[in-house]
């Protein structure tokens, strides 16, 4: 679940849908906040998780 919520695919798709359609006006800011959250996680070293240990990420192995 962590990896699904911390990839750029979903928030970018939501941003695109909000941009090209008549979704509520709060959709685009929420998707941008989600994208910024993922970026901050990467900046601080929290990457996508490997199944063998939660602290093992695609950025480093603990």
Protein backbone atom coordinates (compact mmCIF):
# COMPACT_ATOMS: atom_id res chain seq x y z
CA UNK A 1 0.00 0.00 0.00
CA UNK A 2 2.85 2.40 0.79
CA UNK A 3 4.36 2.02 -2.67
CA UNK A 4 1.00 2.50 -4.39
CA UNK A 5 0.48 5.80 -2.59
CA UNK A 6 4.04 7.00 -3.12
CA UNK A 7 4.40 6.77 -6.88
CA UNK A 8 3.73 9.71 -9.17
CA UNK A 9 1.30 7.82 -11.42
CA UNK A 10 -1.92 8.35 -9.43
CA UNK A 11 -1.49 12.02 -8.49
CA UNK A 12 -0.42 12.91 -12.03
CA UNK A 13 -3.45 11.10 -13.47
CA UNK A 14 -5.74 12.91 -11.02
CA UNK A 15 -4.10 16.23 -11.92
CA UNK A 16 -4.62 15.56 -15.63
CA UNK A 17 -8.27 14.58 -15.10
CA UNK A 18 -8.87 17.67 -13.01
CA UNK A 19 -7.23 19.84 -15.62
CA UNK A 20 -9.14 18.55 -18.66
CA UNK A 21 -12.55 17.88 -17.13
CA UNK A 22 -15.14 19.42 -14.85
CA UNK A 23 -14.03 17.79 -11.60
CA UNK A 24 -14.39 19.85 -8.41
CA UNK A 25 -11.92 22.72 -8.05
CA UNK A 26 -10.15 21.09 -5.07
CA UNK A 27 -8.87 18.14 -7.14
CA UNK A 28 -5.90 19.96 -8.69
CA UNK A 29 -4.53 21.41 -5.40
CA UNK A 30 -4.87 18.02 -3.69
CA UNK A 31 -2.96 16.30 -6.49
CA UNK A 32 -0.21 18.97 -6.32
CA UNK A 33 0.09 18.52 -2.54
CA UNK A 34 0.33 14.74 -3.05
CA UNK A 35 3.07 15.22 -5.68
CA UNK A 36 4.96 17.58 -3.34
CA UNK A 37 4.65 15.04 -0.51
CA UNK A 38 6.22 12.33 -2.68
CA UNK A 39 9.00 14.71 -3.71
CA UNK A 40 9.76 15.59 -0.09
CA UNK A 41 9.85 11.91 0.83
CA UNK A 42 12.42 11.31 -1.91
CA UNK A 43 14.44 14.37 -0.84
CA UNK A 44 14.67 13.09 2.74
CA UNK A 45 15.61 9.58 1.60
CA UNK A 46 12.32 7.75 1.99
CA UNK A 47 11.95 5.67 -1.15
CA UNK A 48 9.70 2.91 -2.37
CA UNK A 49 9.82 -0.06 -0.02
CA UNK A 50 11.06 -3.57 -0.70
CA UNK A 51 9.02 -6.46 0.75
CA UNK A 52 11.79 -8.03 2.84
CA UNK A 53 12.23 -5.05 5.21
CA UNK A 54 10.38 -1.72 5.49
CA UNK A 55 13.63 0.22 5.87
CA UNK A 56 15.00 -1.17 2.58
CA UNK A 57 14.11 1.27 -0.19
CA UNK A 58 14.93 1.82 -3.84
CA UNK A 59 17.20 4.67 -2.65
CA UNK A 60 19.23 2.65 -0.11
CA UNK A 61 19.36 -0.63 1.77
CA UNK A 62 19.40 -0.56 5.58
